[in-house]
Amino acid sequence: MEIEFGARSDVGRARGNNEDSFAVAAELKLFVLSDGMGGLAAGEAASRLTTETVVNNCRAAASNPSLPLIGEYLTELSKSSNRLASAIRTANRDVYAAAQKDKKKRGMGATVVAVWIVDSQRASVAHVGDSRIYRLRGEDFAQITEDHSFVADQIRRGMMTQQEAARSNMQSVLLRALGVEPEVQVDITEKDLMEGDTFLLCSDGLTRELSDAQISATLAEAENSQEAADRLIDLANQAGGGDNITAVVVRYAAKPVRAFARIGKWFKGSEER
């Protein structure tokens, strides 16, 4: 089995700067996306620090498996999943420390989603915040993360409908994010893999503009992962582009394919595709 991936980040039509970041460590089959908050340079710094820290920590552990883990070791999960959770906790500490050190960055934070394909059988999936991971398997399209947001919590409690949430002025209120507190709870799980599985990592600039049906159809119809990422960004901009938009598409393929995103680099903005 081979991994095909494509990615793109765009400032959107309403914002002056891009606070989203993503990183790919192709040699590890690790994909990370972050949406920064805090405004201007603070949000950009938070998201970039998040993606860099997660990738660098996992790379360091690949070279040195004895590298200490941050946080509780969950025996029901693989070493890779525990390492990914530890890397995200490390990113949380780094973002928090950076915010405390610089008064101009006080209050900055970030979401994070990550997929680490451990082997031919499973993938580690981790997240904090309201950026999302979806999986398309055949005709089954599902969100495999739960938003750590006020409106999502209200929906889960039965206190708000999906329609009410879409109209709420509380959509941007997060219950959990990196950098807000010295420690953070990371949601981490493992998903089985099947030939043809497609994962989408995305910021809320995409999901606020496009429906699940639009996203699913785009992933299914695109010839490759880069085309899927490009089309999703274009559609979100056509729908309004009210926020920064980032999409990372990962396909688990049956034969060697070309990887379209630049390997091992960090990207910001559509001009760096």
Protein backbone atom coordinates (compact mmCIF):
# COMPACT_ATOMS: atom_id res chain seq x y z
CA MET A 1 0.00 0.00 0.00
CA GLU A 2 1.13 3.54 -0.78
CA ILE A 3 0.10 6.95 0.46
CA GLU A 4 -0.96 9.72 -1.92
CA PHE A 5 -1.44 13.19 -0.47
CA GLY A 6 -2.16 16.73 -1.54
CA ALA A 7 -2.56 19.95 0.42
CA ARG A 8 -3.33 23.63 0.08
CA SER A 9 -3.84 26.60 2.40
CA ASP A 10 -5.53 29.83 1.37
CA VAL A 11 -6.13 33.15 3.12
CA GLY A 12 -9.75 33.24 1.95
CA ARG A 13 -11.64 36.32 0.81
CA ALA A 14 -12.26 38.14 4.09
CA ARG A 15 -8.99 37.94 6.03
CA GLY A 16 -5.78 39.88 5.53
CA ASN A 17 -3.47 37.13 6.77
CA ASN A 18 -3.41 33.35 7.00
CA GLU A 19 -3.39 31.90 10.52
CA ASP A 20 -3.58 28.29 9.28
CA SER A 21 -0.55 26.02 8.91
CA PHE A 22 0.03 22.44 7.88
CA ALA A 23 3.03 20.15 7.81
CA VAL A 24 3.79 16.83 6.15
CA ALA A 25 6.48 14.38 7.23
CA ALA A 26 6.20 12.01 4.27
CA GLU A 27 8.86 9.62 5.54
CA LEU A 28 6.78 9.08 8.70
CA LYS A 29 3.41 9.19 6.90
CA LEU A 30 2.48 11.96 9.35
CA PHE A 31 0.10 14.80 8.48
CA VAL A 32 -0.63 17.77 10.76
CA LEU A 33 -2.89 20.84 10.44
CA SER A 34 -3.38 23.76 12.81
CA ASP A 35 -5.63 26.83 12.90
CA GLY A 36 -4.16 29.66 14.97
CA MET A 37 -6.04 32.20 17.04
CA GLY A 38 -5.03 35.42 18.68
CA GLY A 39 -5.03 37.73 15.69
CA LEU A 40 -2.40 38.85 13.21
CA ALA A 41 1.11 37.56 13.99
CA ALA A 42 0.00 35.72 17.14
CA GLY A 43 -2.32 33.30 15.36
CA GLU A 44 0.22 32.66 12.62
CA ALA A 45 2.94 32.02 15.19
CA ALA A 46 0.76 29.64 17.20
CA SER A 47 -0.26 27.47 14.26
CA ARG A 48 3.22 27.29 12.77
CA LEU A 49 4.80 26.50 16.14
CA THR A 50 2.20 23.76 16.62
CA THR A 51 2.81 22.00 13.31
CA GLU A 52 6.59 22.34 13.54
CA THR A 53 6.72 21.04 17.11
CA VAL A 54 4.53 18.01 16.42
CA VAL A 55 6.49 16.97 13.34
CA ASN A 56 9.91 17.66 14.86
CA ASN A 57 9.04 15.77 18.04
CA CYS A 58 7.86 12.71 16.11
CA ARG A 59 10.92 12.83 13.87
CA ALA A 60 13.20 13.04 16.89
CA ALA A 61 11.47 10.06 18.46
CA ALA A 62 11.90 8.04 15.27
CA SER A 63 15.65 8.56 15.60
CA ASN A 64 15.64 8.16 19.38
CA PRO A 65 12.79 5.90 20.61
CA SER A 66 13.88 6.50 24.22
CA LEU A 67 12.89 10.17 23.98
CA PRO A 68 10.73 10.84 27.07
CA LEU A 69 6.97 11.05 26.63
CA ILE A 70 4.95 13.98 27.97
CA GLY A 71 1.80 12.93 29.78
CA GLU A 72 0.13 9.63 30.59
CA TYR A 73 1.01 6.50 28.57
CA LEU A 74 -2.21 4.81 27.39
CA THR A 75 -1.62 1.06 27.30
CA GLU A 76 -4.60 0.45 25.01
CA LEU A 77 -2.92 2.48 22.25
CA SER A 78 0.21 1.87 20.19
CA LYS A 79 3.57 3.48 20.88
CA SER A 80 3.03 5.72 17.85
CA SER A 81 -0.30 6.97 19.15
CA ASN A 82 1.22 7.73 22.54
CA ARG A 83 4.10 9.50 20.83
CA LEU A 84 1.71 11.62 18.77
CA ALA A 85 -0.27 12.61 21.86
CA SER A 86 2.98 13.49 23.61
CA ALA A 87 4.10 15.62 20.66
CA ILE A 88 0.84 17.57 20.79
CA ARG A 89 1.20 18.10 24.53
CA THR A 90 4.71 19.37 23.86
CA ALA A 91 3.32 21.78 21.27
CA ASN A 92 0.78 22.99 23.83
CA ARG A 93 3.56 23.78 26.30
CA ASP A 94 5.59 25.56 23.64
CA VAL A 95 2.68 27.71 22.49
CA TYR A 96 1.73 28.52 26.08
CA ALA A 97 5.32 29.47 26.93
CA ALA A 98 5.62 31.66 23.84
CA ALA A 99 2.39 33.47 24.74
CA GLN A 100 3.57 34.11 28.29
CA LYS A 101 6.94 35.38 27.11
CA ASP A 102 5.66 37.96 24.62
CA LYS A 103 2.95 40.39 25.73
CA LYS A 104 1.90 40.92 22.12
CA LYS A 105 1.05 37.23 21.86
CA ARG A 106 -0.87 36.84 25.10
CA GLY A 107 -4.03 34.84 24.52
CA MET A 108 -2.77 33.17 21.36
CA GLY A 109 -3.63 29.53 20.80
CA ALA A 110 -4.29 26.95 18.13
CA THR A 111 -6.28 23.94 17.15
CA VAL A 112 -4.57 20.80 15.88
CA VAL A 113 -5.53 17.69 13.94
CA ALA A 114 -3.11 14.93 12.99
CA VAL A 115 -3.14 11.61 11.17
CA TRP A 116 -0.19 9.25 11.54
CA ILE A 117 -0.38 6.11 9.42
CA VAL A 118 1.36 3.63 11.68
CA ASP A 119 1.32 0.56 9.43
CA SER A 120 -0.82 -1.15 6.81
CA GLN A 121 -3.51 -1.87 9.39
CA ARG A 122 -4.14 1.34 11.30
CA ALA A 123 -3.78 5.08 11.62
CA SER A 124 -3.42 7.21 14.74
CA VAL A 125 -5.87 10.14 14.81
CA ALA A 126 -5.45 13.01 17.26
CA HIS A 127 -7.03 16.42 17.73
CA VAL A 128 -7.67 19.42 19.95
CA GLY A 129 -10.14 22.16 19.02
CA ASP A 130 -12.59 22.46 16.14
CA SER A 131 -10.46 21.66 13.12
CA ARG A 132 -11.67 18.34 11.75
CA ILE A 133 -10.71 14.99 10.27
CA TYR A 134 -13.09 13.19 7.94
CA ARG A 135 -12.82 9.74 6.38
CA LEU A 136 -14.33 8.69 3.07
CA ARG A 137 -14.58 4.91 2.74
CA GLY A 138 -16.48 3.88 -0.36
CA GLU A 139 -19.78 5.74 -0.06
CA ASP A 140 -19.44 6.21 3.70
CA PHE A 141 -18.33 9.73 4.64
CA ALA A 142 -17.98 10.58 8.31
CA GLN A 143 -16.35 13.07 10.65
CA ILE A 144 -14.03 11.04 12.88
CA THR A 145 -13.23 13.83 15.34
CA GLU A 146 -15.54 15.68 17.72
CA ASP A 147 -15.35 19.48 17.81
CA HIS A 148 -14.20 20.91 21.13
CA SER A 149 -16.46 23.92 20.73
CA PHE A 150 -19.35 25.45 22.65
CA VAL A 151 -21.93 24.86 19.92
CA ALA A 152 -20.82 21.26 19.33
CA ASP A 153 -21.12 20.58 23.04
CA GLN A 154 -24.60 22.10 23.05
CA ILE A 155 -25.61 19.84 20.16
CA ARG A 156 -24.25 16.76 21.94
CA ARG A 157 -26.22 17.71 25.05
CA GLY A 158 -29.41 18.13 23.01
CA MET A 159 -29.62 21.82 23.87
CA MET A 160 -29.08 23.11 20.33
CA THR A 161 -29.95 21.83 16.86
CA GLN A 162 -27.55 21.78 13.92
CA GLN A 163 -29.53 24.64 12.37
CA GLU A 164 -29.35 26.72 15.55
CA ALA A 165 -25.63 26.06 15.82
CA ALA A 166 -25.09 27.24 12.24
CA ARG A 167 -26.76 30.56 13.12
CA SER A 168 -25.14 30.99 16.52
CA ASN A 169 -22.71 33.82 17.19
CA MET A 170 -20.88 31.42 19.53
CA GLN A 171 -19.45 29.24 16.76
CA SER A 172 -15.91 30.47 17.38
CA VAL A 173 -15.94 29.73 21.11
CA LEU A 174 -13.64 26.78 21.84
CA LEU A 175 -13.76 24.62 24.94
CA ARG A 176 -10.28 23.27 24.30
CA ALA A 177 -7.25 24.61 22.40
CA LEU A 178 -3.47 24.50 22.48
CA GLY A 179 -1.61 27.23 24.34
CA VAL A 180 -4.46 28.43 26.53
CA GLU A 181 -3.42 26.48 29.62
CA PRO A 182 -0.12 24.83 30.65
CA GLU A 183 -1.65 21.38 30.06
CA VAL A 184 -4.21 20.15 27.54
CA GLN A 185 -6.30 17.04 27.06
CA VAL A 186 -5.62 15.42 23.69
CA ASP A 187 -8.23 13.22 22.02
CA ILE A 188 -6.34 10.29 20.50
CA THR A 189 -7.65 7.11 18.91
CA GLU A 190 -6.74 4.54 16.26
CA LYS A 191 -8.66 3.77 13.08
CA ASP A 192 -8.38 0.67 10.95
CA LEU A 193 -7.26 1.12 7.36
CA MET A 194 -8.80 -0.23 4.18
CA GLU A 195 -7.66 0.14 0.58
CA GLY A 196 -9.06 3.35 -0.88
CA ASP A 197 -9.62 5.14 2.43
CA THR A 198 -9.37 8.91 2.08
CA PHE A 199 -8.72 11.20 5.05
CA LEU A 200 -9.39 14.93 5.00
CA LEU A 201 -7.79 17.23 7.57
CA CYS A 202 -9.30 20.72 7.41
CA SER A 203 -9.76 23.99 9.25
CA ASP A 204 -13.19 25.41 10.01
CA GLY A 205 -12.82 27.87 7.14
CA LEU A 206 -13.71 24.92 4.91
CA THR A 207 -16.48 23.31 6.94
CA ARG A 208 -18.32 26.59 7.55
CA GLU A 209 -18.64 27.15 3.80
CA LEU A 210 -19.28 23.64 2.48
CA SER A 211 -21.74 20.92 3.45
CA ASP A 212 -20.72 17.33 4.13
CA ALA A 213 -22.36 16.36 0.84
CA GLN A 214 -20.25 18.87 -1.11
CA ILE A 215 -17.06 17.76 0.60
CA SER A 216 -17.79 14.06 0.12
CA ALA A 217 -18.64 14.48 -3.56
CA THR A 218 -15.48 16.49 -4.20
CA LEU A 219 -13.27 13.87 -2.55
CA ALA A 220 -14.97 11.06 -4.48
CA GLU A 221 -14.83 12.76 -7.88
CA ALA A 222 -11.27 14.12 -7.80
CA GLU A 223 -8.68 12.11 -9.73
CA ASN A 224 -6.00 12.64 -7.09
CA SER A 225 -5.48 14.14 -3.66
CA GLN A 226 -4.04 17.44 -4.86
CA GLU A 227 -6.96 18.00 -7.19
CA ALA A 228 -9.32 17.28 -4.29
CA ALA A 229 -7.57 19.79 -2.01
CA ASP A 230 -7.53 22.46 -4.72
CA ARG A 231 -11.19 22.01 -5.58
CA LEU A 232 -12.26 22.12 -1.94
CA ILE A 233 -10.42 25.42 -1.42
CA ASP A 234 -11.87 26.88 -4.62
CA LEU A 235 -15.41 25.86 -3.68
CA ALA A 236 -15.07 27.32 -0.18
CA ASN A 237 -13.88 30.61 -1.64
CA GLN A 238 -16.74 30.63 -4.14
CA ALA A 239 -19.14 30.08 -1.22
CA GLY A 240 -17.83 33.15 0.57
CA GLY A 241 -14.31 32.46 1.83
CA GLY A 242 -15.07 34.06 5.18
CA ASP A 243 -12.03 32.60 6.92
CA ASN A 244 -8.64 31.04 6.16
CA ILE A 245 -9.10 27.68 4.47
CA THR A 246 -6.79 24.68 4.63
CA ALA A 247 -7.25 21.13 3.37
CA VAL A 248 -4.91 18.15 3.55
CA VAL A 249 -6.13 15.09 1.63
CA VAL A 250 -4.55 11.68 2.23
CA ARG A 251 -5.43 8.57 0.23
CA TYR A 252 -4.44 5.04 1.12
CA ALA A 253 -3.79 3.60 -2.31
CA ALA A 254 -3.17 0.13 -3.69
CA LYS A 255 -0.21 0.97 -5.92
CA PRO A 256 2.66 3.48 -6.01
CA VAL A 257 1.46 6.99 -6.75
CA ARG A 258 2.92 10.45 -6.86
CA ALA A 259 2.86 12.64 -3.76
CA PHE A 260 1.76 16.12 -4.78
CA ALA A 261 2.55 18.26 -1.72
CA ARG A 262 6.14 19.34 -1.17
CA ILE A 263 7.68 16.92 1.28
CA GLY A 264 8.78 18.00 4.73
CA LYS A 265 7.93 21.68 4.26
CA TRP A 266 5.57 24.04 6.05
CA PHE A 267 3.15 26.02 3.93
CA LYS A 268 1.08 29.18 4.36
CA GLY A 269 -1.12 30.74 1.74
CA SER A 270 -2.18 29.86 -1.75
CA GLU A 271 0.89 31.43 -3.34
CA GLU A 272 3.05 28.64 -1.86
CA ARG A 273 1.16 25.72 -3.34
